[in-house]
């Protein structure tokens, strides 16, 4: 009878140890996924920042060049601004297909990746 009691206590201790180990494993997996998503986000943020600076400089150059062709510098900047307004309108209209779905799918793929 005493031996059965010890076996049951041993079984409960092993079950408790298994539960704690499983919980720790889940925590570590969640941490790994969080760090993976965060690092992807930061790397994309840096890429976007560099691209933004590139396009800003390029836009100023195009604005000055088009302004020179049209005879007035400000007209070139108006043309470039009109292009960006049209591009912004297209992005607003198609934001779900162009922005929301790809970003959502990327995050889901990062989280579910083994």
PDB file of N, CA and C in Angstrom:
ATOM      1  N   UNK A   1       0.830  -1.196   0.000  1.00  0.00           N
ATOM      2  CA  UNK A   1       0.000   0.000   0.000  1.00  0.00           C
ATOM      3  C   UNK A   1       0.873   1.258   0.000  1.00  0.00           C
ATOM      4  N   UNK A   2       1.918   1.233   0.820  1.00  0.00           N
ATOM      5  CA  UNK A   2       2.843   2.359   0.898  1.00  0.00           C
ATOM      6  C   UNK A   2       3.567   2.554  -0.432  1.00  0.00           C
ATOM      7  N   UNK A   3       3.869   1.436  -1.095  1.00  0.00           N
ATOM      8  CA  UNK A   3       4.552   1.493  -2.384  1.00  0.00           C
ATOM      9  C   UNK A   3       3.660   2.146  -3.439  1.00  0.00           C
ATOM     10  N   UNK A   4       2.344   1.854  -3.422  1.00  0.00           N
ATOM     11  CA  UNK A   4       1.401   2.473  -4.357  1.00  0.00           C
ATOM     12  C   UNK A   4       1.315   3.977  -4.109  1.00  0.00           C
ATOM     13  N   UNK A   5       1.328   4.346  -2.848  1.00  0.00           N
ATOM     14  CA  UNK A   5       1.263   5.760  -2.493  1.00  0.00           C
ATOM     15  C   UNK A   5       2.490   6.496  -3.037  1.00  0.00           C
ATOM     16  N   UNK A   6       3.649   5.882  -2.915  1.00  0.00           N
ATOM     17  CA  UNK A   6       4.873   6.485  -3.423  1.00  0.00           C
ATOM     18  C   UNK A   6       4.845   6.569  -4.955  1.00  0.00           C
ATOM     19  N   UNK A   7       4.301   5.532  -5.584  1.00  0.00           N
ATOM     20  CA  UNK A   7       4.185   5.551  -7.043  1.00  0.00           C
ATOM     21  C   UNK A   7       3.254   6.666  -7.505  1.00  0.00           C
ATOM     22  N   UNK A   8       2.143   6.845  -6.800  1.00  0.00           N
ATOM     23  CA  UNK A   8       1.193   7.898  -7.157  1.00  0.00           C
ATOM     24  C   UNK A   8       1.816   9.268  -6.943  1.00  0.00           C
ATOM     25  N   UNK A   9       2.545   9.447  -5.826  1.00  0.00           N
ATOM     26  CA  UNK A   9       3.220  10.721  -5.578  1.00  0.00           C
ATOM     27  C   UNK A   9       4.276  10.992  -6.651  1.00  0.00           C
ATOM     28  N   UNK A  10       4.994   9.935  -7.007  1.00  0.00           N
ATOM     29  CA  UNK A  10       6.002  10.069  -8.054  1.00  0.00           C
ATOM     30  C   UNK A  10       5.345  10.454  -9.383  1.00  0.00           C
ATOM     31  N   UNK A  11       4.203   9.841  -9.670  1.00  0.00           N
ATOM     32  CA  UNK A  11       3.473  10.150 -10.899  1.00  0.00           C
ATOM     33  C   UNK A  11       3.014  11.601 -10.904  1.00  0.00           C
ATOM     34  N   UNK A  12       2.496  12.087  -9.783  1.00  0.00           N
ATOM     35  CA  UNK A  12       2.068  13.482  -9.688  1.00  0.00           C
ATOM     36  C   UNK A  12       3.257  14.442  -9.833  1.00  0.00           C
ATOM     37  N   UNK A  13       4.388  14.097  -9.238  1.00  0.00           N
ATOM     38  CA  UNK A  13       5.578  14.938  -9.364  1.00  0.00           C
ATOM     39  C   UNK A  13       6.045  15.005 -10.816  1.00  0.00           C
ATOM     40  N   UNK A  14       6.037  13.865 -11.497  1.00  0.00           N
ATOM     41  CA  UNK A  14       6.442  13.833 -12.900  1.00  0.00           C
ATOM     42  C   UNK A  14       5.453  14.610 -13.768  1.00  0.00           C
ATOM     43  N   UNK A  15       4.172  14.498 -13.457  1.00  0.00           N
ATOM     44  CA  UNK A  15       3.153  15.255 -14.188  1.00  0.00           C
ATOM     45  C   UNK A  15       3.323  16.750 -13.984  1.00  0.00           C
ATOM     46  N   UNK A  16       3.604  17.137 -12.743  1.00  0.00           N
ATOM     47  CA  UNK A  16       3.822  18.551 -12.454  1.00  0.00           C
ATOM     48  C   UNK A  16       5.077  19.051 -13.185  1.00  0.00           C
ATOM     49  N   UNK A  17       6.137  18.261 -13.158  1.00  0.00           N
ATOM     50  CA  UNK A  17       7.363  18.619 -13.858  1.00  0.00           C
ATOM     51  C   UNK A  17       7.117  18.728 -15.364  1.00  0.00           C
ATOM     52  N   UNK A  18       6.348  17.794 -15.917  1.00  0.00           N
ATOM     53  CA  UNK A  18       6.007  17.825 -17.341  1.00  0.00           C
ATOM     54  C   UNK A  18       5.218  19.085 -17.678  1.00  0.00           C
ATOM     55  N   UNK A  19       4.243  19.420 -16.833  1.00  0.00           N
ATOM     56  CA  UNK A  19       3.440  20.626 -17.051  1.00  0.00           C
ATOM     57  C   UNK A  19       4.290  21.887 -17.033  1.00  0.00           C
ATOM     58  N   UNK A  20       5.206  21.975 -16.061  1.00  0.00           N
ATOM     59  CA  UNK A  20       6.081  23.150 -15.976  1.00  0.00           C
ATOM     60  C   UNK A  20       7.004  23.223 -17.190  1.00  0.00           C
ATOM     61  N   UNK A  21       7.525  22.081 -17.602  1.00  0.00           N
ATOM     62  CA  UNK A  21       8.418  22.046 -18.766  1.00  0.00           C
ATOM     63  C   UNK A  21       7.666  22.448 -20.032  1.00  0.00           C
ATOM     64  N   UNK A  22       6.437  21.945 -20.189  1.00  0.00           N
ATOM     65  CA  UNK A  22       5.626  22.292 -21.350  1.00  0.00           C
ATOM     66  C   UNK A  22       5.310  23.786 -21.372  1.00  0.00           C
ATOM     67  N   UNK A  23       4.975  24.343 -20.215  1.00  0.00           N
ATOM     68  CA  UNK A  23       4.692  25.779 -20.117  1.00  0.00           C
ATOM     69  C   UNK A  23       5.934  26.596 -20.480  1.00  0.00           C
ATOM     70  N   UNK A  24       7.087  26.173 -19.984  1.00  0.00           N
ATOM     71  CA  UNK A  24       8.327  26.873 -20.303  1.00  0.00           C
ATOM     72  C   UNK A  24       8.624  26.792 -21.806  1.00  0.00           C
ATOM     73  N   UNK A  25       8.367  25.646 -22.416  1.00  0.00           N
ATOM     74  CA  UNK A  25       8.565  25.481 -23.854  1.00  0.00           C
ATOM     75  C   UNK A  25       7.655  26.418 -24.637  1.00  0.00           C
ATOM     76  N   UNK A  26       6.394  26.527 -24.241  1.00  0.00           N
ATOM     77  CA  UNK A  26       5.453  27.442 -24.910  1.00  0.00           C
ATOM     78  C   UNK A  26       5.932  28.884 -24.786  1.00  0.00           C
ATOM     79  N   UNK A  27       6.429  29.246 -23.593  1.00  0.00           N
ATOM     80  CA  UNK A  27       6.934  30.602 -23.397  1.00  0.00           C
ATOM     81  C   UNK A  27       8.109  30.878 -24.324  1.00  0.00           C
ATOM     82  N   UNK A  28       9.017  29.927 -24.414  1.00  0.00           N
ATOM     83  CA  UNK A  28      10.194  30.108 -25.267  1.00  0.00           C
ATOM     84  C   UNK A  28       9.814  30.177 -26.744  1.00  0.00           C
ATOM     85  N   UNK A  29       8.849  29.366 -27.158  1.00  0.00           N
ATOM     86  CA  UNK A  29       8.390  29.414 -28.550  1.00  0.00           C
ATOM     87  C   UNK A  29       7.718  30.753 -28.848  1.00  0.00           C
ATOM     88  N   UNK A  30       6.904  31.243 -27.911  1.00  0.00           N
ATOM     89  CA  UNK A  30       6.246  32.541 -28.091  1.00  0.00           C
ATOM     90  C   UNK A  30       7.284  33.658 -28.154  1.00  0.00           C
ATOM     91  N   UNK A  31       8.295  33.584 -27.315  1.00  0.00           N
ATOM     92  CA  UNK A  31       9.365  34.579 -27.329  1.00  0.00           C
ATOM     93  C   UNK A  31      10.116  34.541 -28.655  1.00  0.00           C
ATOM     94  N   UNK A  32      10.410  33.335 -29.144  1.00  0.00           N
ATOM     95  CA  UNK A  32      11.106  33.191 -30.421  1.00  0.00           C
ATOM     96  C   UNK A  32      10.299  33.816 -31.551  1.00  0.00           C
ATOM     97  N   UNK A  33       9.006  33.550 -31.588  1.00  0.00           N
ATOM     98  CA  UNK A  33       8.157  34.117 -32.641  1.00  0.00           C
ATOM     99  C   UNK A  33       8.066  35.632 -32.516  1.00  0.00           C
ATOM    100  N   UNK A  34       7.948  36.131 -31.289  1.00  0.00           N
ATOM    101  CA  UNK A  34       7.858  37.581 -31.075  1.00  0.00           C
ATOM    102  C   UNK A  34       9.128  38.280 -31.538  1.00  0.00           C
ATOM    103  N   UNK A  35      10.269  37.704 -31.194  1.00  0.00           N
ATOM    104  CA  UNK A  35      11.538  38.292 -31.600  1.00  0.00           C
ATOM    105  C   UNK A  35      11.689  38.230 -33.116  1.00  0.00           C
ATOM    106  N   UNK A  36      11.252  37.136 -33.730  1.00  0.00           N
ATOM    107  CA  UNK A  36      11.330  36.990 -35.180  1.00  0.00           C
ATOM    108  C   UNK A  36      10.484  38.054 -35.879  1.00  0.00           C
ATOM    109  N   UNK A  37       9.265  38.241 -35.410  1.00  0.00           N
ATOM    110  CA  UNK A  37       8.377  39.251 -36.001  1.00  0.00           C
ATOM    111  C   UNK A  37       8.940  40.657 -35.774  1.00  0.00           C
ATOM    112  N   UNK A  38       9.415  40.924 -34.566  1.00  0.00           N
ATOM    113  CA  UNK A  38       9.958  42.254 -34.266  1.00  0.00           C
ATOM    114  C   UNK A  38      11.200  42.551 -35.104  1.00  0.00           C
ATOM    115  N   UNK A  39      12.076  41.574 -35.257  1.00  0.00           N
ATOM    116  CA  UNK A  39      13.286  41.811 -36.052  1.00  0.00           C
ATOM    117  C   UNK A  39      12.946  42.014 -37.524  1.00  0.00           C
ATOM    118  N   UNK A  40      11.955  41.275 -38.022  1.00  0.00           N
ATOM    119  CA  UNK A  40      11.510  41.491 -39.400  1.00  0.00           C
ATOM    120  C   UNK A  40      10.932  42.893 -39.557  1.00  0.00           C
ATOM    121  N   UNK A  41      10.145  43.310 -38.585  1.00  0.00           N
ATOM    122  CA  UNK A  41       9.541  44.639 -38.622  1.00  0.00           C
ATOM    123  C   UNK A  41      10.618  45.720 -38.627  1.00  0.00           C
ATOM    124  N   UNK A  42      11.614  45.593 -37.779  1.00  0.00           N
ATOM    125  CA  UNK A  42      12.670  46.603 -37.691  1.00  0.00           C
ATOM    126  C   UNK A  42      13.491  46.632 -38.969  1.00  0.00           C
ATOM    127  N   UNK A  43      13.792  45.464 -39.527  1.00  0.00           N
ATOM    128  CA  UNK A  43      14.576  45.456 -40.765  1.00  0.00           C
ATOM    129  C   UNK A  43      13.788  46.098 -41.910  1.00  0.00           C
ATOM    130  N   UNK A  44      12.479  45.826 -41.984  1.00  0.00           N
ATOM    131  CA  UNK A  44      11.651  46.456 -43.021  1.00  0.00           C
ATOM    132  C   UNK A  44      11.536  47.961 -42.772  1.00  0.00           C
ATOM    133  N   UNK A  45      11.498  48.357 -41.522  1.00  0.00           N
ATOM    134  CA  UNK A  45      11.422  49.782 -41.189  1.00  0.00           C
ATOM    135  C   UNK A  45      12.677  50.513 -41.669  1.00  0.00           C
ATOM    136  N   UNK A  46      13.832  49.895 -41.503  1.00  0.00           N
ATOM    137  CA  UNK A  46      15.080  50.497 -41.970  1.00  0.00           C
ATOM    138  C   UNK A  46      15.091  50.585 -43.496  1.00  0.00           C
ATOM    139  N   UNK A  47      14.659  49.521 -44.155  1.00  0.00           N
ATOM    140  CA  UNK A  47      14.603  49.521 -45.624  1.00  0.00           C
ATOM    141  C   UNK A  47      13.659  50.611 -46.120  1.00  0.00           C
ATOM    142  N   UNK A  48      12.510  50.743 -45.478  1.00  0.00           N
ATOM    143  CA  UNK A  48      11.535  51.761 -45.877  1.00  0.00           C
ATOM    144  C   UNK A  48      12.100  53.161 -45.650  1.00  0.00           C
ATOM    145  N   UNK A  49      12.814  53.355 -44.555  1.00  0.00           N
ATOM    146  CA  UNK A  49      13.411  54.667 -44.284  1.00  0.00           C
ATOM    147  C   UNK A  49      14.432  55.039 -45.358  1.00  0.00           C
ATOM    148  N   UNK A  50      15.284  54.109 -45.730  1.00  0.00           N
ATOM    149  CA  UNK A  50      16.281  54.377 -46.767  1.00  0.00           C
ATOM    150  C   UNK A  50      15.585  54.648 -48.107  1.00  0.00           C
ATOM    151  N   UNK A  51      14.561  53.844 -48.426  1.00  0.00           N
ATOM    152  CA  UNK A  51      13.821  54.055 -49.673  1.00  0.00           C
ATOM    153  C   UNK A  51      13.122  55.411 -49.664  1.00  0.00           C
ATOM    154  N   UNK A  52      12.600  55.805 -48.520  1.00  0.00           N
ATOM    155  CA  UNK A  52      11.939  57.104 -48.399  1.00  0.00           C
ATOM    156  C   UNK A  52      12.915  58.249 -48.666  1.00  0.00           C
ATOM    157  N   UNK A  53      14.100  58.156 -48.093  1.00  0.00           N
ATOM    158  CA  UNK A  53      15.115  59.193 -48.346  1.00  0.00           C
ATOM    159  C   UNK A  53      15.519  59.215 -49.820  1.00  0.00           C
ATOM    160  N   UNK A  54      15.644  58.043 -50.421  1.00  0.00           N
ATOM    161  CA  UNK A  54      15.975  57.962 -51.841  1.00  0.00           C
ATOM    162  C   UNK A  54      14.902  58.633 -52.687  1.00  0.00           C
ATOM    163  N   UNK A  55      13.632  58.282 -52.429  1.00  0.00           N
ATOM    164  CA  UNK A  55      12.547  58.857 -53.231  1.00  0.00           C
ATOM    165  C   UNK A  55      12.349  60.342 -52.961  1.00  0.00           C
ATOM    166  N   UNK A  56      12.653  60.790 -51.762  1.00  0.00           N
ATOM    167  CA  UNK A  56      12.575  62.225 -51.473  1.00  0.00           C
ATOM    168  C   UNK A  56      13.598  62.989 -52.322  1.00  0.00           C
ATOM    169  N   UNK A  57      14.805  62.496 -52.328  1.00  0.00           N
ATOM    170  CA  UNK A  57      15.849  63.134 -53.129  1.00  0.00           C
ATOM    171  C   UNK A  57      15.520  63.062 -54.616  1.00  0.00           C
ATOM    172  N   UNK A  58      15.049  61.900 -55.052  1.00  0.00           N
ATOM    173  CA  UNK A  58      14.668  61.725 -56.449  1.00  0.00           C
ATOM    174  C   UNK A  58      13.525  62.666 -56.834  1.00  0.00           C
ATOM    175  N   UNK A  59      12.555  62.825 -55.942  1.00  0.00           N
ATOM    176  CA  UNK A  59      11.423  63.716 -56.209  1.00  0.00           C
ATOM    177  C   UNK A  59      11.867  65.163 -56.340  1.00  0.00           C
ATOM    178  N   UNK A  60      12.771  65.581 -55.483  1.00  0.00           N
ATOM    179  CA  UNK A  60      13.279  66.950 -55.578  1.00  0.00           C
ATOM    180  C   UNK A  60      13.992  67.144 -56.915  1.00  0.00           C
ATOM    181  N   UNK A  61      14.799  66.144 -57.290  1.00  0.00           N
ATOM    182  CA  UNK A  61      15.489  66.217 -58.579  1.00  0.00           C
ATOM    183  C   UNK A  61      14.520  66.284 -59.745  1.00  0.00           C
ATOM    184  N   UNK A  62      13.495  65.418 -59.719  1.00  0.00           N
ATOM    185  CA  UNK A  62      12.496  65.442 -60.799  1.00  0.00           C
ATOM    186  C   UNK A  62      11.728  66.763 -60.803  1.00  0.00           C
ATOM    187  N   UNK A  63      11.416  67.268 -59.622  1.00  0.00           N
ATOM    188  CA  UNK A  63      10.706  68.540 -59.552  1.00  0.00           C
ATOM    189  C   UNK A  63      11.507  69.670 -60.162  1.00  0.00           C
ATOM    190  N   UNK A  64      12.795  69.706 -59.844  1.00  0.00           N
ATOM    191  CA  UNK A  64      13.650  70.749 -60.424  1.00  0.00           C
ATOM    192  C   UNK A  64      13.814  70.562 -61.932  1.00  0.00           C
ATOM    193  N   UNK A  65      13.966  69.318 -62.365  1.00  0.00           N
ATOM    194  CA  UNK A  65      14.148  69.037 -63.791  1.00  0.00           C
ATOM    195  C   UNK A  65      12.898  69.383 -64.599  1.00  0.00           C
ATOM    196  N   UNK A  66      11.734  68.939 -64.112  1.00  0.00           N
ATOM    197  CA  UNK A  66      10.475  69.249 -64.811  1.00  0.00           C
ATOM    198  C   UNK A  66      10.216  70.748 -64.779  1.00  0.00           C
ATOM    199  N   UNK A  67      10.550  71.388 -63.653  1.00  0.00           N
ATOM    200  CA  UNK A  67      10.401  72.839 -63.555  1.00  0.00           C
ATOM    201  C   UNK A  67      11.266  73.567 -64.566  1.00  0.00           C
ATOM    202  N   UNK A  68      12.464  73.049 -64.778  1.00  0.00           N
ATOM    203  CA  UNK A  68      13.353  73.649 -65.779  1.00  0.00           C
ATOM    204  C   UNK A  68      12.770  73.489 -67.177  1.00  0.00           C
ATOM    205  N   UNK A  69      12.170  72.319 -67.446  1.00  0.00           N
ATOM    206  CA  UNK A  69      11.555  72.088 -68.756  1.00  0.00           C
ATOM    207  C   UNK A  69      10.343  72.988 -68.973  1.00  0.00           C
ATOM    208  N   UNK A  70       9.581  73.238 -67.894  1.00  0.00           N
ATOM    209  CA  UNK A  70       8.374  74.059 -68.006  1.00  0.00           C
ATOM    210  C   UNK A  70       8.652  75.552 -67.843  1.00  0.00           C
ATOM    211  N   UNK A  71       9.844  75.905 -67.426  1.00  0.00           N
ATOM    212  CA  UNK A  71      10.204  77.316 -67.317  1.00  0.00           C
ATOM    213  C   UNK A  71      10.059  77.891 -65.920  1.00  0.00           C
ATOM    214  N   UNK A  72       9.360  77.229 -65.041  1.00  0.00           N
ATOM    215  CA  UNK A  72       9.185  77.705 -63.667  1.00  0.00           C
ATOM    216  C   UNK A  72       9.422  76.521 -62.723  1.00  0.00           C
ATOM    217  N   UNK A  73      10.278  76.701 -61.726  1.00  0.00           N
ATOM    218  CA  UNK A  73      10.602  75.609 -60.798  1.00  0.00           C
ATOM    219  C   UNK A  73       9.374  75.089 -60.054  1.00  0.00           C
ATOM    220  N   UNK A  74       8.521  75.995 -59.614  1.00  0.00           N
ATOM    221  CA  UNK A  74       7.364  75.571 -58.837  1.00  0.00           C
ATOM    222  C   UNK A  74       6.408  74.705 -59.644  1.00  0.00           C
ATOM    223  N   UNK A  75       6.351  74.882 -60.965  1.00  0.00           N
ATOM    224  CA  UNK A  75       5.478  74.031 -61.789  1.00  0.00           C
ATOM    225  C   UNK A  75       5.953  72.578 -61.768  1.00  0.00           C
ATOM    226  N   UNK A  76       7.261  72.388 -61.745  1.00  0.00           N
ATOM    227  CA  UNK A  76       7.799  71.029 -61.644  1.00  0.00           C
ATOM    228  C   UNK A  76       7.397  70.358 -60.346  1.00  0.00           C
ATOM    229  N   UNK A  77       7.433  71.115 -59.256  1.00  0.00           N
ATOM    230  CA  UNK A  77       7.025  70.550 -57.964  1.00  0.00           C
ATOM    231  C   UNK A  77       5.520  70.264 -57.938  1.00  0.00           C
ATOM    232  N   UNK A  78       4.721  71.091 -58.605  1.00  0.00           N
ATOM    233  CA  UNK A  78       3.288  70.815 -58.699  1.00  0.00           C
ATOM    234  C   UNK A  78       3.016  69.523 -59.476  1.00  0.00           C
ATOM    235  N   UNK A  79       3.777  69.306 -60.540  1.00  0.00           N
ATOM    236  CA  UNK A  79       3.608  68.075 -61.332  1.00  0.00           C
ATOM    237  C   UNK A  79       3.969  66.855 -60.486  1.00  0.00           C
ATOM    238  N   UNK A  80       5.078  66.928 -59.764  1.00  0.00           N
ATOM    239  CA  UNK A  80       5.502  65.814 -58.907  1.00  0.00           C
ATOM    240  C   UNK A  80       4.472  65.591 -57.791  1.00  0.00           C
ATOM    241  N   UNK A  81       3.978  66.674 -57.196  1.00  0.00           N
ATOM    242  CA  UNK A  81       2.961  66.557 -56.145  1.00  0.00           C
ATOM    243  C   UNK A  81       1.677  65.944 -56.698  1.00  0.00           C
ATOM    244  N   UNK A  82       1.299  66.316 -57.907  1.00  0.00           N
ATOM    245  CA  UNK A  82       0.112  65.725 -58.538  1.00  0.00           C
ATOM    246  C   UNK A  82       0.287  64.232 -58.766  1.00  0.00           C
ATOM    247  N   UNK A  83       1.498  63.832 -59.175  1.00  0.00           N
ATOM    248  CA  UNK A  83       1.784  62.401 -59.348  1.00  0.00           C
ATOM    249  C   UNK A  83       1.613  61.659 -58.024  1.00  0.00           C
ATOM    250  N   UNK A  84       2.162  62.222 -56.940  1.00  0.00           N
ATOM    251  CA  UNK A  84       2.039  61.572 -55.633  1.00  0.00           C
ATOM    252  C   UNK A  84       0.592  61.568 -55.131  1.00  0.00           C
ATOM    253  N   UNK A  85      -0.165  62.599 -55.450  1.00  0.00           N
ATOM    254  CA  UNK A  85      -1.585  62.614 -55.074  1.00  0.00           C
ATOM    255  C   UNK A  85      -2.335  61.506 -55.800  1.00  0.00           C
ATOM    256  N   UNK A  86      -2.049  61.324 -57.078  1.00  0.00           N
ATOM    257  CA  UNK A  86      -2.673  60.238 -57.845  1.00  0.00           C
ATOM    258  C   UNK A  86      -2.256  58.878 -57.302  1.00  0.00           C
ATOM    259  N   UNK A  87      -0.975  58.714 -57.001  1.00  0.00           N
ATOM    260  CA  UNK A  87      -0.478  57.461 -56.426  1.00  0.00           C
ATOM    261  C   UNK A  87      -1.132  57.187 -55.074  1.00  0.00           C
ATOM    262  N   UNK A  88      -1.267  58.225 -54.244  1.00  0.00           N
ATOM    263  CA  UNK A  88      -1.924  58.081 -52.939  1.00  0.00           C
ATOM    264  C   UNK A  88      -3.380  57.683 -53.079  1.00  0.00           C
ATOM    265  N   UNK A  89      -4.079  58.253 -54.055  1.00  0.00           N
ATOM    266  CA  UNK A  89      -5.476  57.904 -54.297  1.00  0.00           C
ATOM    267  C   UNK A  89      -5.612  56.441 -54.707  1.00  0.00           C
ATOM    268  N   UNK A  90      -4.709  55.976 -55.562  1.00  0.00           N
ATOM    269  CA  UNK A  90      -4.728  54.565 -55.988  1.00  0.00           C
ATOM    270  C   UNK A  90      -4.476  53.654 -54.795  1.00  0.00           C
ATOM    271  N   UNK A  91      -3.534  54.022 -53.933  1.00  0.00           N
ATOM    272  CA  UNK A  91      -3.249  53.199 -52.757  1.00  0.00           C
ATOM    273  C   UNK A  91      -4.442  53.177 -51.812  1.00  0.00           C
ATOM    274  N   UNK A  92      -5.112  54.298 -51.616  1.00  0.00           N
ATOM    275  CA  UNK A  92      -6.288  54.342 -50.740  1.00  0.00           C
ATOM    276  C   UNK A  92      -7.397  53.448 -51.291  1.00  0.00           C
ATOM    277  N   UNK A  93      -7.621  53.508 -52.590  1.00  0.00           N
ATOM    278  CA  UNK A  93      -8.690  52.714 -53.195  1.00  0.00           C
ATOM    279  C   UNK A  93      -8.385  51.214 -53.097  1.00  0.00           C
ATOM    280  N   UNK A  94      -7.141  50.840 -53.349  1.00  0.00           N
ATOM    281  CA  UNK A  94      -6.766  49.424 -53.365  1.00  0.00           C
ATOM    282  C   UNK A  94      -5.956  49.018 -52.141  1.00  0.00           C
ATOM    283  N   UNK A  95      -6.141  49.693 -50.993  1.00  0.00           N
ATOM    284  CA  UNK A  95      -5.311  49.447 -49.815  1.00  0.00           C
ATOM    285  C   UNK A  95      -5.433  48.025 -49.272  1.00  0.00           C
ATOM    286  N   UNK A  96      -6.618  47.427 -49.346  1.00  0.00           N
ATOM    287  CA  UNK A  96      -6.760  46.070 -48.832  1.00  0.00           C
ATOM    288  C   UNK A  96      -5.922  45.086 -49.634  1.00  0.00           C
ATOM    289  N   UNK A  97      -5.960  45.208 -50.934  1.00  0.00           N
ATOM    290  CA  UNK A  97      -5.231  44.269 -51.786  1.00  0.00           C
ATOM    291  C   UNK A  97      -3.739  44.592 -51.839  1.00  0.00           C
ATOM    292  N   UNK A  98      -3.396  45.880 -51.825  1.00  0.00           N
ATOM    293  CA  UNK A  98      -1.994  46.274 -51.973  1.00  0.00           C
ATOM    294  C   UNK A  98      -1.223  46.316 -50.660  1.00  0.00           C
ATOM    295  N   UNK A  99      -1.906  46.608 -49.551  1.00  0.00           N
ATOM    296  CA  UNK A  99      -1.192  46.800 -48.293  1.00  0.00           C
ATOM    297  C   UNK A  99      -1.638  45.819 -47.212  1.00  0.00           C
ATOM    298  N   UNK A 100      -2.929  45.795 -46.917  1.00  0.00           N
ATOM    299  CA  UNK A 100      -3.414  45.045 -45.761  1.00  0.00           C
ATOM    300  C   UNK A 100      -3.178  43.541 -45.890  1.00  0.00           C
ATOM    301  N   UNK A 101      -3.580  42.952 -47.001  1.00  0.00           N
ATOM    302  CA  UNK A 101      -3.420  41.502 -47.160  1.00  0.00           C
ATOM    303  C   UNK A 101      -1.962  41.062 -47.167  1.00  0.00           C
ATOM    304  N   UNK A 102      -1.075  41.720 -47.938  1.00  0.00           N
ATOM    305  CA  UNK A 102       0.324  41.280 -47.905  1.00  0.00           C
ATOM    306  C   UNK A 102       0.973  41.407 -46.521  1.00  0.00           C
ATOM    307  N   UNK A 103       0.664  42.491 -45.806  1.00  0.00           N
ATOM    308  CA  UNK A 103       1.242  42.675 -44.475  1.00  0.00           C
ATOM    309  C   UNK A 103       0.687  41.622 -43.524  1.00  0.00           C
ATOM    310  N   UNK A 104      -0.625  41.386 -43.558  1.00  0.00           N
ATOM    311  CA  UNK A 104      -1.229  40.363 -42.706  1.00  0.00           C
ATOM    312  C   UNK A 104      -0.655  38.984 -43.008  1.00  0.00           C
ATOM    313  N   UNK A 105      -0.540  38.658 -44.281  1.00  0.00           N
ATOM    314  CA  UNK A 105       0.015  37.355 -44.658  1.00  0.00           C
ATOM    315  C   UNK A 105       1.468  37.210 -44.222  1.00  0.00           C
ATOM    316  N   UNK A 106       2.225  38.284 -44.313  1.00  0.00           N
ATOM    317  CA  UNK A 106       3.623  38.233 -43.886  1.00  0.00           C
ATOM    318  C   UNK A 106       3.732  37.983 -42.390  1.00  0.00           C
ATOM    319  N   UNK A 107       2.916  38.666 -41.599  1.00  0.00           N
ATOM    320  CA  UNK A 107       2.942  38.470 -40.147  1.00  0.00           C
ATOM    321  C   UNK A 107       2.506  37.057 -39.793  1.00  0.00           C
ATOM    322  N   UNK A 108       1.443  36.566 -40.430  1.00  0.00           N
ATOM    323  CA  UNK A 108       0.963  35.210 -40.164  1.00  0.00           C
ATOM    324  C   UNK A 108       2.033  34.182 -40.534  1.00  0.00           C
ATOM    325  N   UNK A 109       2.692  34.382 -41.682  1.00  0.00           N
ATOM    326  CA  UNK A 109       3.753  33.445 -42.077  1.00  0.00           C
ATOM    327  C   UNK A 109       4.912  33.467 -41.096  1.00  0.00           C
ATOM    328  N   UNK A 110       5.266  34.635 -40.577  1.00  0.00           N
ATOM    329  CA  UNK A 110       6.342  34.722 -39.603  1.00  0.00           C
ATOM    330  C   UNK A 110       5.977  33.998 -38.306  1.00  0.00           C
ATOM    331  N   UNK A 111       4.727  34.150 -37.869  1.00  0.00           N
ATOM    332  CA  UNK A 111       4.298  33.534 -36.613  1.00  0.00           C
ATOM    333  C   UNK A 111       4.171  32.025 -36.755  1.00  0.00           C
ATOM    334  N   UNK A 112       3.659  31.546 -37.885  1.00  0.00           N
ATOM    335  CA  UNK A 112       3.424  30.117 -38.050  1.00  0.00           C
ATOM    336  C   UNK A 112       4.633  29.353 -38.576  1.00  0.00           C
ATOM    337  N   UNK A 113       5.699  30.072 -38.944  1.00  0.00           N
ATOM    338  CA  UNK A 113       6.904  29.435 -39.474  1.00  0.00           C
ATOM    339  C   UNK A 113       7.580  28.620 -38.371  1.00  0.00           C
ATOM    340  N   UNK A 114       7.993  27.412 -38.704  1.00  0.00           N
ATOM    341  CA  UNK A 114       8.693  26.565 -37.718  1.00  0.00           C
ATOM    342  C   UNK A 114      10.168  26.699 -37.808  1.00  0.00           C
TER     343      UNK A 114
END
